[in-house]
PDB file of all heavy atoms in Angstrom:
ATOM      1  N   HIS A   1       6.558  -3.162  18.874  1.00  0.00           N
ATOM      2  CA  HIS A   1       7.680  -2.746  18.037  1.00  0.00           C
ATOM      3  C   HIS A   1       8.003  -1.300  18.375  1.00  0.00           C
ATOM      4  O   HIS A   1       7.223  -0.542  19.027  1.00  0.00           O
ATOM      5  CB  HIS A   1       7.372  -2.932  16.575  1.00  0.00           C
ATOM      6  CG  HIS A   1       6.358  -1.954  15.984  1.00  0.00           C
ATOM      7  ND1 HIS A   1       6.581  -0.604  15.837  1.00  0.00           N
ATOM      8  CD2 HIS A   1       5.068  -2.135  15.633  1.00  0.00           C
ATOM      9  CE1 HIS A   1       5.478  -0.141  15.232  1.00  0.00           C
ATOM     10  NE2 HIS A   1       4.477  -1.004  15.221  1.00  0.00           N
ATOM     11  N   HIS A   2       9.217  -0.901  17.888  1.00  0.00           N
ATOM     12  CA  HIS A   2       9.592   0.465  18.013  1.00  0.00           C
ATOM     13  C   HIS A   2       9.594   1.051  16.597  1.00  0.00           C
ATOM     14  O   HIS A   2       8.834   0.563  15.737  1.00  0.00           O
ATOM     15  CB  HIS A   2      10.940   0.531  18.687  1.00  0.00           C
ATOM     16  CG  HIS A   2      10.948   0.107  20.014  1.00  0.00           C
ATOM     17  ND1 HIS A   2      11.078  -1.235  20.462  1.00  0.00           N
ATOM     18  CD2 HIS A   2      10.732   0.736  21.198  1.00  0.00           C
ATOM     19  CE1 HIS A   2      11.005  -1.404  21.738  1.00  0.00           C
ATOM     20  NE2 HIS A   2      10.766  -0.268  22.201  1.00  0.00           N
ATOM     21  N   ASN A   3      10.273   2.163  16.357  1.00  0.00           N
ATOM     22  CA  ASN A   3      10.120   2.839  15.152  1.00  0.00           C
ATOM     23  C   ASN A   3      10.507   1.991  13.959  1.00  0.00           C
ATOM     24  O   ASN A   3      11.633   1.418  13.798  1.00  0.00           O
ATOM     25  CB  ASN A   3      11.014   4.071  15.006  1.00  0.00           C
ATOM     26  CG  ASN A   3      10.712   5.140  16.160  1.00  0.00           C
ATOM     27  OD1 ASN A   3       9.548   5.513  16.371  1.00  0.00           O
ATOM     28  ND2 ASN A   3      11.776   5.377  16.977  1.00  0.00           N
ATOM     29  N   LEU A   4       9.520   1.750  13.056  1.00  0.00           N
ATOM     30  CA  LEU A   4       9.739   0.909  11.835  1.00  0.00           C
ATOM     31  C   LEU A   4       9.841   1.732  10.612  1.00  0.00           C
ATOM     32  O   LEU A   4       8.903   2.554  10.451  1.00  0.00           O
ATOM     33  CB  LEU A   4       8.688  -0.126  11.636  1.00  0.00           C
ATOM     34  CG  LEU A   4       8.554  -1.308  12.748  1.00  0.00           C
ATOM     35  CD1 LEU A   4       7.557  -2.283  12.442  1.00  0.00           C
ATOM     36  CD2 LEU A   4       9.931  -2.004  12.956  1.00  0.00           C
ATOM     37  N   LEU A   5      10.804   1.513   9.802  1.00  0.00           N
ATOM     38  CA  LEU A   5      10.918   2.290   8.539  1.00  0.00           C
ATOM     39  C   LEU A   5      10.929   1.347   7.324  1.00  0.00           C
ATOM     40  O   LEU A   5      11.775   0.373   7.294  1.00  0.00           O
ATOM     41  CB  LEU A   5      12.306   3.068   8.468  1.00  0.00           C
ATOM     42  CG  LEU A   5      12.655   3.671   7.163  1.00  0.00           C
ATOM     43  CD1 LEU A   5      11.686   4.811   6.785  1.00  0.00           C
ATOM     44  CD2 LEU A   5      14.122   4.160   7.181  1.00  0.00           C
ATOM     45  N   VAL A   6       9.951   1.506   6.494  1.00  0.00           N
ATOM     46  CA  VAL A   6       9.949   0.700   5.241  1.00  0.00           C
ATOM     47  C   VAL A   6      10.646   1.599   4.219  1.00  0.00           C
ATOM     48  O   VAL A   6      10.260   2.711   3.919  1.00  0.00           O
ATOM     49  CB  VAL A   6       8.436   0.525   4.762  1.00  0.00           C
ATOM     50  CG1 VAL A   6       8.509  -0.225   3.435  1.00  0.00           C
ATOM     51  CG2 VAL A   6       7.697  -0.302   5.701  1.00  0.00           C
ATOM     52  N   ALA A   7      11.796   1.095   3.732  1.00  0.00           N
ATOM     53  CA  ALA A   7      12.707   1.929   2.897  1.00  0.00           C
ATOM     54  C   ALA A   7      11.897   2.450   1.661  1.00  0.00           C
ATOM     55  O   ALA A   7      11.235   1.616   0.956  1.00  0.00           O
ATOM     56  CB  ALA A   7      13.831   1.112   2.437  1.00  0.00           C
ATOM     57  N   PRO A   8      11.926   3.681   1.417  1.00  0.00           N
ATOM     58  CA  PRO A   8      11.110   4.249   0.283  1.00  0.00           C
ATOM     59  C   PRO A   8      11.786   4.126  -1.054  1.00  0.00           C
ATOM     60  O   PRO A   8      13.003   3.884  -1.125  1.00  0.00           O
ATOM     61  CB  PRO A   8      11.060   5.791   0.653  1.00  0.00           C
ATOM     62  CG  PRO A   8      12.375   5.993   1.465  1.00  0.00           C
ATOM     63  CD  PRO A   8      12.568   4.742   2.180  1.00  0.00           C
ATOM     64  N   GLY A   9      11.065   4.065  -2.102  1.00  0.00           N
ATOM     65  CA  GLY A   9      11.538   4.095  -3.487  1.00  0.00           C
ATOM     66  C   GLY A   9      11.836   5.544  -3.900  1.00  0.00           C
ATOM     67  O   GLY A   9      11.906   6.425  -3.046  1.00  0.00           O
ATOM     68  N   LYS A  10      11.911   5.668  -5.247  1.00  0.00           N
ATOM     69  CA  LYS A  10      12.293   7.021  -5.814  1.00  0.00           C
ATOM     70  C   LYS A  10      11.147   7.780  -6.294  1.00  0.00           C
ATOM     71  O   LYS A  10      11.212   8.964  -6.610  1.00  0.00           O
ATOM     72  CB  LYS A  10      13.411   6.832  -6.757  1.00  0.00           C
ATOM     73  CG  LYS A  10      14.657   6.276  -6.298  1.00  0.00           C
ATOM     74  CD  LYS A  10      15.703   6.139  -7.374  1.00  0.00           C
ATOM     75  CE  LYS A  10      17.056   5.593  -6.829  1.00  0.00           C
ATOM     76  NZ  LYS A  10      18.124   5.545  -7.873  1.00  0.00           N
ATOM     77  N   LYS A  11       9.925   7.097  -6.533  1.00  0.00           N
ATOM     78  CA  LYS A  11       8.884   7.755  -7.179  1.00  0.00           C
ATOM     79  C   LYS A  11       7.997   8.483  -6.184  1.00  0.00           C
ATOM     80  O   LYS A  11       7.578   7.911  -5.087  1.00  0.00           O
ATOM     81  CB  LYS A  11       8.027   6.763  -7.926  1.00  0.00           C
ATOM     82  CG  LYS A  11       8.765   6.172  -9.133  1.00  0.00           C
ATOM     83  CD  LYS A  11       7.873   5.208  -9.840  1.00  0.00           C
ATOM     84  CE  LYS A  11       8.514   4.662 -11.151  1.00  0.00           C
ATOM     85  NZ  LYS A  11       9.671   3.714 -10.771  1.00  0.00           N
ATOM     86  N   ASP A  12       7.419   9.744  -6.439  1.00  0.00           N
ATOM     87  CA  ASP A  12       6.550  10.314  -5.659  1.00  0.00           C
ATOM     88  C   ASP A  12       5.164   9.797  -5.974  1.00  0.00           C
ATOM     89  O   ASP A  12       4.980   8.854  -6.762  1.00  0.00           O
ATOM     90  CB  ASP A  12       6.497  11.929  -5.848  1.00  0.00           C
ATOM     91  CG  ASP A  12       6.243  12.315  -7.355  1.00  0.00           C
ATOM     92  OD1 ASP A  12       5.775  11.419  -8.128  1.00  0.00           O
ATOM     93  OD2 ASP A  12       6.461  13.492  -7.632  1.00  0.00           O
ATOM     94  N   PHE A  13       4.013  10.341  -5.342  1.00  0.00           N
ATOM     95  CA  PHE A  13       2.813   9.766  -5.475  1.00  0.00           C
ATOM     96  C   PHE A  13       2.339   9.729  -6.937  1.00  0.00           C
ATOM     97  O   PHE A  13       1.847   8.714  -7.419  1.00  0.00           O
ATOM     98  CB  PHE A  13       1.739  10.526  -4.645  1.00  0.00           C
ATOM     99  CG  PHE A  13       0.409   9.981  -4.708  1.00  0.00           C
ATOM    100  CD1 PHE A  13       0.026   8.763  -4.255  1.00  0.00           C
ATOM    101  CD2 PHE A  13      -0.614  10.792  -5.367  1.00  0.00           C
ATOM    102  CE1 PHE A  13      -1.244   8.304  -4.256  1.00  0.00           C
ATOM    103  CE2 PHE A  13      -1.925  10.292  -5.431  1.00  0.00           C
ATOM    104  CZ  PHE A  13      -2.285   9.020  -4.934  1.00  0.00           C
ATOM    105  N   ARG A  14       2.537  10.864  -7.657  1.00  0.00           N
ATOM    106  CA  ARG A  14       2.065  10.906  -9.050  1.00  0.00           C
ATOM    107  C   ARG A  14       2.937   9.859  -9.852  1.00  0.00           C
ATOM    108  O   ARG A  14       2.446   9.261 -10.813  1.00  0.00           O
ATOM    109  CB  ARG A  14       2.274  12.269  -9.638  1.00  0.00           C
ATOM    110  CG  ARG A  14       1.370  13.233  -9.078  1.00  0.00           C
ATOM    111  CD  ARG A  14       1.405  14.674  -9.778  1.00  0.00           C
ATOM    112  NE  ARG A  14       0.447  15.605  -9.349  1.00  0.00           N
ATOM    113  CZ  ARG A  14      -0.738  15.594  -9.669  1.00  0.00           C
ATOM    114  NH1 ARG A  14      -1.229  14.810 -10.609  1.00  0.00           N
ATOM    115  NH2 ARG A  14      -1.625  16.511  -9.197  1.00  0.00           N
ATOM    116  N   GLY A  15       4.174   9.716  -9.582  1.00  0.00           N
ATOM    117  CA  GLY A  15       4.998   8.726 -10.228  1.00  0.00           C
ATOM    118  C   GLY A  15       4.492   7.309  -9.995  1.00  0.00           C
ATOM    119  O   GLY A  15       4.520   6.446 -10.855  1.00  0.00           O
ATOM    120  N   MET A  16       3.919   7.082  -8.786  1.00  0.00           N
ATOM    121  CA  MET A  16       3.431   5.775  -8.527  1.00  0.00           C
ATOM    122  C   MET A  16       2.200   5.508  -9.350  1.00  0.00           C
ATOM    123  O   MET A  16       1.909   4.418  -9.876  1.00  0.00           O
ATOM    124  CB  MET A  16       3.031   5.589  -6.953  1.00  0.00           C
ATOM    125  CG  MET A  16       4.298   5.654  -6.108  1.00  0.00           C
ATOM    126  SD  MET A  16       5.295   4.151  -6.220  1.00  0.00           S
ATOM    127  CE  MET A  16       4.324   3.012  -5.315  1.00  0.00           C
ATOM    128  N   LEU A  17       1.260   6.514  -9.472  1.00  0.00           N
ATOM    129  CA  LEU A  17       0.138   6.398 -10.278  1.00  0.00           C
ATOM    130  C   LEU A  17       0.608   6.078 -11.754  1.00  0.00           C
ATOM    131  O   LEU A  17      -0.097   5.219 -12.426  1.00  0.00           O
ATOM    132  CB  LEU A  17      -0.703   7.783 -10.280  1.00  0.00           C
ATOM    133  CG  LEU A  17      -1.488   8.019  -9.004  1.00  0.00           C
ATOM    134  CD1 LEU A  17      -2.137   9.370  -9.069  1.00  0.00           C
ATOM    135  CD2 LEU A  17      -2.536   6.902  -8.745  1.00  0.00           C
ATOM    136  N   ARG A  18       1.562   6.729 -12.237  1.00  0.00           N
ATOM    137  CA  ARG A  18       1.971   6.574 -13.600  1.00  0.00           C
ATOM    138  C   ARG A  18       2.546   5.118 -13.800  1.00  0.00           C
ATOM    139  O   ARG A  18       2.261   4.545 -14.824  1.00  0.00           O
ATOM    140  CB  ARG A  18       3.000   7.567 -14.089  1.00  0.00           C
ATOM    141  CG  ARG A  18       2.477   8.949 -14.253  1.00  0.00           C
ATOM    142  CD  ARG A  18       3.445   9.863 -14.962  1.00  0.00           C
ATOM    143  NE  ARG A  18       4.580  10.152 -14.011  1.00  0.00           N
ATOM    144  CZ  ARG A  18       4.626  11.194 -13.302  1.00  0.00           C
ATOM    145  NH1 ARG A  18       3.679  12.115 -13.191  1.00  0.00           N
ATOM    146  NH2 ARG A  18       5.724  11.458 -12.483  1.00  0.00           N
ATOM    147  N   GLU A  19       3.296   4.671 -12.762  1.00  0.00           N
ATOM    148  CA  GLU A  19       3.768   3.298 -12.865  1.00  0.00           C
ATOM    149  C   GLU A  19       2.626   2.237 -12.892  1.00  0.00           C
ATOM    150  O   GLU A  19       2.746   1.281 -13.715  1.00  0.00           O
ATOM    151  CB  GLU A  19       4.768   2.987 -11.699  1.00  0.00           C
ATOM    152  CG  GLU A  19       5.239   1.552 -11.738  1.00  0.00           C
ATOM    153  CD  GLU A  19       6.249   1.282 -10.723  1.00  0.00           C
ATOM    154  OE1 GLU A  19       6.741   2.197  -9.980  1.00  0.00           O
ATOM    155  OE2 GLU A  19       6.601   0.111 -10.507  1.00  0.00           O
ATOM    156  N   MET A  20       1.590   2.488 -12.132  1.00  0.00           N
ATOM    157  CA  MET A  20       0.468   1.560 -12.139  1.00  0.00           C
ATOM    158  C   MET A  20      -0.283   1.667 -13.498  1.00  0.00           C
ATOM    159  O   MET A  20      -0.675   0.598 -14.053  1.00  0.00           O
ATOM    160  CB  MET A  20      -0.542   1.962 -11.039  1.00  0.00           C
ATOM    161  CG  MET A  20      -1.699   1.028 -11.008  1.00  0.00           C
ATOM    162  SD  MET A  20      -2.744   1.171  -9.581  1.00  0.00           S
ATOM    163  CE  MET A  20      -3.454   2.768  -9.655  1.00  0.00           C
ATOM    164  N   GLY A  21      -0.445   2.706 -14.116  1.00  0.00           N
ATOM    165  CA  GLY A  21      -1.047   2.975 -15.316  1.00  0.00           C
ATOM    166  C   GLY A  21      -2.603   2.768 -15.263  1.00  0.00           C
ATOM    167  O   GLY A  21      -3.327   3.773 -15.264  1.00  0.00           O
ATOM    168  N   ARG A  22      -3.028   1.593 -15.096  1.00  0.00           N
ATOM    169  CA  ARG A  22      -4.418   1.328 -14.923  1.00  0.00           C
ATOM    170  C   ARG A  22      -4.721   0.391 -13.807  1.00  0.00           C
ATOM    171  O   ARG A  22      -4.078  -0.619 -13.661  1.00  0.00           O
ATOM    172  CB  ARG A  22      -4.953   0.669 -16.283  1.00  0.00           C
ATOM    173  CG  ARG A  22      -6.444   0.177 -16.192  1.00  0.00           C
ATOM    174  CD  ARG A  22      -6.880  -0.499 -17.470  1.00  0.00           C
ATOM    175  NE  ARG A  22      -8.320  -0.853 -17.480  1.00  0.00           N
ATOM    176  CZ  ARG A  22      -8.712  -1.948 -16.954  1.00  0.00           C
ATOM    177  NH1 ARG A  22      -7.984  -2.846 -16.363  1.00  0.00           N
ATOM    178  NH2 ARG A  22     -10.128  -2.166 -16.979  1.00  0.00           N
ATOM    179  N   GLY A  23      -5.608   0.841 -12.931  1.00  0.00           N
ATOM    180  CA  GLY A  23      -5.921   0.067 -11.703  1.00  0.00           C
ATOM    181  C   GLY A  23      -6.651   0.799 -10.734  1.00  0.00           C
ATOM    182  O   GLY A  23      -7.255   1.896 -11.051  1.00  0.00           O
ATOM    183  N   LEU A  24      -6.595   0.341  -9.460  1.00  0.00           N
ATOM    184  CA  LEU A  24      -7.306   0.928  -8.362  1.00  0.00           C
ATOM    185  C   LEU A  24      -6.439   1.602  -7.315  1.00  0.00           C
ATOM    186  O   LEU A  24      -5.503   0.982  -6.894  1.00  0.00           O
ATOM    187  CB  LEU A  24      -8.131  -0.169  -7.681  1.00  0.00           C
ATOM    188  CG  LEU A  24      -8.987   0.275  -6.463  1.00  0.00           C
ATOM    189  CD1 LEU A  24     -10.050   1.210  -6.850  1.00  0.00           C
ATOM    190  CD2 LEU A  24      -9.499  -0.965  -5.764  1.00  0.00           C
ATOM    191  N   LEU A  25      -6.634   2.852  -6.927  1.00  0.00           N
ATOM    192  CA  LEU A  25      -6.001   3.515  -5.910  1.00  0.00           C
ATOM    193  C   LEU A  25      -6.904   3.370  -4.747  1.00  0.00           C
ATOM    194  O   LEU A  25      -8.024   3.792  -4.692  1.00  0.00           O
ATOM    195  CB  LEU A  25      -5.813   5.024  -6.239  1.00  0.00           C
ATOM    196  CG  LEU A  25      -5.442   5.878  -5.111  1.00  0.00           C
ATOM    197  CD1 LEU A  25      -4.109   5.551  -4.376  1.00  0.00           C
ATOM    198  CD2 LEU A  25      -5.391   7.346  -5.468  1.00  0.00           C
ATOM    199  N   VAL A  26      -6.411   2.708  -3.587  1.00  0.00           N
ATOM    200  CA  VAL A  26      -7.225   2.515  -2.427  1.00  0.00           C
ATOM    201  C   VAL A  26      -6.824   3.581  -1.401  1.00  0.00           C
ATOM    202  O   VAL A  26      -5.700   3.756  -1.005  1.00  0.00           O
ATOM    203  CB  VAL A  26      -6.960   1.165  -1.803  1.00  0.00           C
ATOM    204  CG1 VAL A  26      -7.696   0.996  -0.449  1.00  0.00           C
ATOM    205  CG2 VAL A  26      -7.556   0.101  -2.755  1.00  0.00           C
ATOM    206  N   THR A  27      -7.866   4.321  -0.959  1.00  0.00           N
ATOM    207  CA  THR A  27      -7.553   5.340   0.090  1.00  0.00           C
ATOM    208  C   THR A  27      -8.232   5.045   1.415  1.00  0.00           C
ATOM    209  O   THR A  27      -8.101   5.748   2.463  1.00  0.00           O
ATOM    210  CB  THR A  27      -8.031   6.754  -0.380  1.00  0.00           C
ATOM    211  OG1 THR A  27      -9.390   6.768  -0.651  1.00  0.00           O
ATOM    212  CG2 THR A  27      -7.287   7.076  -1.575  1.00  0.00           C
ATOM    213  N   GLU A  28      -9.186   4.011   1.487  1.00  0.00           N
ATOM    214  CA  GLU A  28      -9.877   3.656   2.702  1.00  0.00           C
ATOM    215  C   GLU A  28     -10.278   2.152   2.647  1.00  0.00           C
ATOM    216  O   GLU A  28     -10.567   1.586   1.568  1.00  0.00           O
ATOM    217  CB  GLU A  28     -11.134   4.479   2.824  1.00  0.00           C
ATOM    218  CG  GLU A  28     -11.935   4.155   4.152  1.00  0.00           C
ATOM    219  CD  GLU A  28     -13.090   5.059   4.273  1.00  0.00           C
ATOM    220  OE1 GLU A  28     -13.670   5.598   3.369  1.00  0.00           O
ATOM    221  OE2 GLU A  28     -13.638   5.129   5.456  1.00  0.00           O
ATOM    222  N   LEU A  29     -10.035   1.480   3.760  1.00  0.00           N
ATOM    223  CA  LEU A  29     -10.409   0.058   3.900  1.00  0.00           C
ATOM    224  C   LEU A  29     -11.439  -0.081   4.953  1.00  0.00           C
ATOM    225  O   LEU A  29     -11.479   0.629   5.991  1.00  0.00           O
ATOM    226  CB  LEU A  29      -9.131  -0.784   4.263  1.00  0.00           C
ATOM    227  CG  LEU A  29      -8.187  -0.872   3.128  1.00  0.00           C
ATOM    228  CD1 LEU A  29      -6.858  -1.607   3.663  1.00  0.00           C
ATOM    229  CD2 LEU A  29      -8.754  -1.734   1.884  1.00  0.00           C
ATOM    230  N   LEU A  30     -12.404  -1.050   4.794  1.00  0.00           N
ATOM    231  CA  LEU A  30     -13.494  -1.240   5.620  1.00  0.00           C
ATOM    232  C   LEU A  30     -13.495  -2.692   6.067  1.00  0.00           C
ATOM    233  O   LEU A  30     -13.127  -3.609   5.312  1.00  0.00           O
ATOM    234  CB  LEU A  30     -14.849  -0.893   5.044  1.00  0.00           C
ATOM    235  CG  LEU A  30     -14.840   0.479   4.346  1.00  0.00           C
ATOM    236  CD1 LEU A  30     -16.139   0.718   3.577  1.00  0.00           C
ATOM    237  CD2 LEU A  30     -14.915   1.597   5.455  1.00  0.00           C
ATOM    238  N   GLY A  31     -14.016  -3.053   7.311  1.00  0.00           N
ATOM    239  CA  GLY A  31     -14.057  -4.349   7.725  1.00  0.00           C
ATOM    240  C   GLY A  31     -12.736  -4.964   8.178  1.00  0.00           C
ATOM    241  O   GLY A  31     -11.723  -4.387   8.129  1.00  0.00           O
ATOM    242  N   GLN A  32     -12.851  -6.139   8.752  1.00  0.00           N
ATOM    243  CA  GLN A  32     -11.816  -6.865   9.352  1.00  0.00           C
ATOM    244  C   GLN A  32     -11.471  -8.240   8.633  1.00  0.00           C
ATOM    245  O   GLN A  32     -11.183  -9.224   9.271  1.00  0.00           O
ATOM    246  CB  GLN A  32     -12.003  -7.092  10.795  1.00  0.00           C
ATOM    247  CG  GLN A  32     -12.208  -5.818  11.567  1.00  0.00           C
ATOM    248  CD  GLN A  32     -11.001  -4.841  11.485  1.00  0.00           C
ATOM    249  OE1 GLN A  32      -9.845  -5.331  11.544  1.00  0.00           O
ATOM    250  NE2 GLN A  32     -11.210  -3.546  11.435  1.00  0.00           N
ATOM    251  N   GLY A  33     -11.680  -8.356   7.288  1.00  0.00           N
ATOM    252  CA  GLY A  33     -11.627  -9.562   6.563  1.00  0.00           C
ATOM    253  C   GLY A  33     -10.205 -10.082   6.379  1.00  0.00           C
ATOM    254  O   GLY A  33      -9.803 -10.265   5.166  1.00  0.00           O
ATOM    255  N   VAL A  34      -9.381 -10.278   7.376  1.00  0.00           N
ATOM    256  CA  VAL A  34      -8.078 -10.822   7.221  1.00  0.00           C
ATOM    257  C   VAL A  34      -7.908 -12.058   8.160  1.00  0.00           C
ATOM    258  O   VAL A  34      -8.105 -11.922   9.329  1.00  0.00           O
ATOM    259  CB  VAL A  34      -6.945  -9.722   7.627  1.00  0.00           C
ATOM    260  CG1 VAL A  34      -5.569 -10.305   7.475  1.00  0.00           C
ATOM    261  CG2 VAL A  34      -7.148  -8.455   6.802  1.00  0.00           C
ATOM    262  N   ASN A  35      -7.525 -13.170   7.586  1.00  0.00           N
ATOM    263  CA  ASN A  35      -7.293 -14.299   8.353  1.00  0.00           C
ATOM    264  C   ASN A  35      -5.750 -14.533   8.527  1.00  0.00           C
ATOM    265  O   ASN A  35      -5.075 -14.841   7.636  1.00  0.00           O
ATOM    266  CB  ASN A  35      -7.820 -15.614   7.555  1.00  0.00           C
ATOM    267  CG  ASN A  35      -7.815 -16.888   8.316  1.00  0.00           C
ATOM    268  OD1 ASN A  35      -6.765 -17.196   9.025  1.00  0.00           O
ATOM    269  ND2 ASN A  35      -8.780 -17.713   8.127  1.00  0.00           N
ATOM    270  N   MET A  36      -5.414 -14.311   9.737  1.00  0.00           N
ATOM    271  CA  MET A  36      -3.951 -14.331  10.088  1.00  0.00           C
ATOM    272  C   MET A  36      -3.335 -15.704  10.093  1.00  0.00           C
ATOM    273  O   MET A  36      -2.089 -15.821  10.093  1.00  0.00           O
ATOM    274  CB  MET A  36      -3.738 -13.594  11.434  1.00  0.00           C
ATOM    275  CG  MET A  36      -3.875 -12.159  11.441  1.00  0.00           C
ATOM    276  SD  MET A  36      -2.846 -11.214  10.191  1.00  0.00           S
ATOM    277  CE  MET A  36      -1.328 -11.681  10.760  1.00  0.00           C
ATOM    278  N   VAL A  37      -4.143 -16.744  10.092  1.00  0.00           N
ATOM    279  CA  VAL A  37      -3.577 -18.161  10.017  1.00  0.00           C
ATOM    280  C   VAL A  37      -3.308 -18.500   8.568  1.00  0.00           C
ATOM    281  O   VAL A  37      -2.266 -19.140   8.251  1.00  0.00           O
ATOM    282  CB  VAL A  37      -4.668 -19.112  10.658  1.00  0.00           C
ATOM    283  CG1 VAL A  37      -4.103 -20.543  10.505  1.00  0.00           C
ATOM    284  CG2 VAL A  37      -4.871 -18.775  12.042  1.00  0.00           C
ATOM    285  N   THR A  38      -4.217 -18.166   7.593  1.00  0.00           N
ATOM    286  CA  THR A  38      -3.917 -18.529   6.243  1.00  0.00           C
ATOM    287  C   THR A  38      -3.334 -17.376   5.362  1.00  0.00           C
ATOM    288  O   THR A  38      -2.866 -17.651   4.304  1.00  0.00           O
ATOM    289  CB  THR A  38      -5.237 -18.959   5.637  1.00  0.00           C
ATOM    290  OG1 THR A  38      -6.240 -17.898   5.597  1.00  0.00           O
ATOM    291  CG2 THR A  38      -5.953 -20.145   6.438  1.00  0.00           C
ATOM    292  N   GLY A  39      -3.528 -16.197   5.793  1.00  0.00           N
ATOM    293  CA  GLY A  39      -3.164 -15.046   5.071  1.00  0.00           C
ATOM    294  C   GLY A  39      -4.253 -14.494   4.138  1.00  0.00           C
ATOM    295  O   GLY A  39      -4.028 -13.562   3.352  1.00  0.00           O
TER     296      GLY A  39
END
């Protein structure tokens, strides 16, 4: 592919945290556990 742009929303990072409220912020992923046939 060439330059891909995912259109941004209006909330900054802190705004995204506030919208989530309670949950997990992921900053690192490990392993290759993705099945591209089934998703």
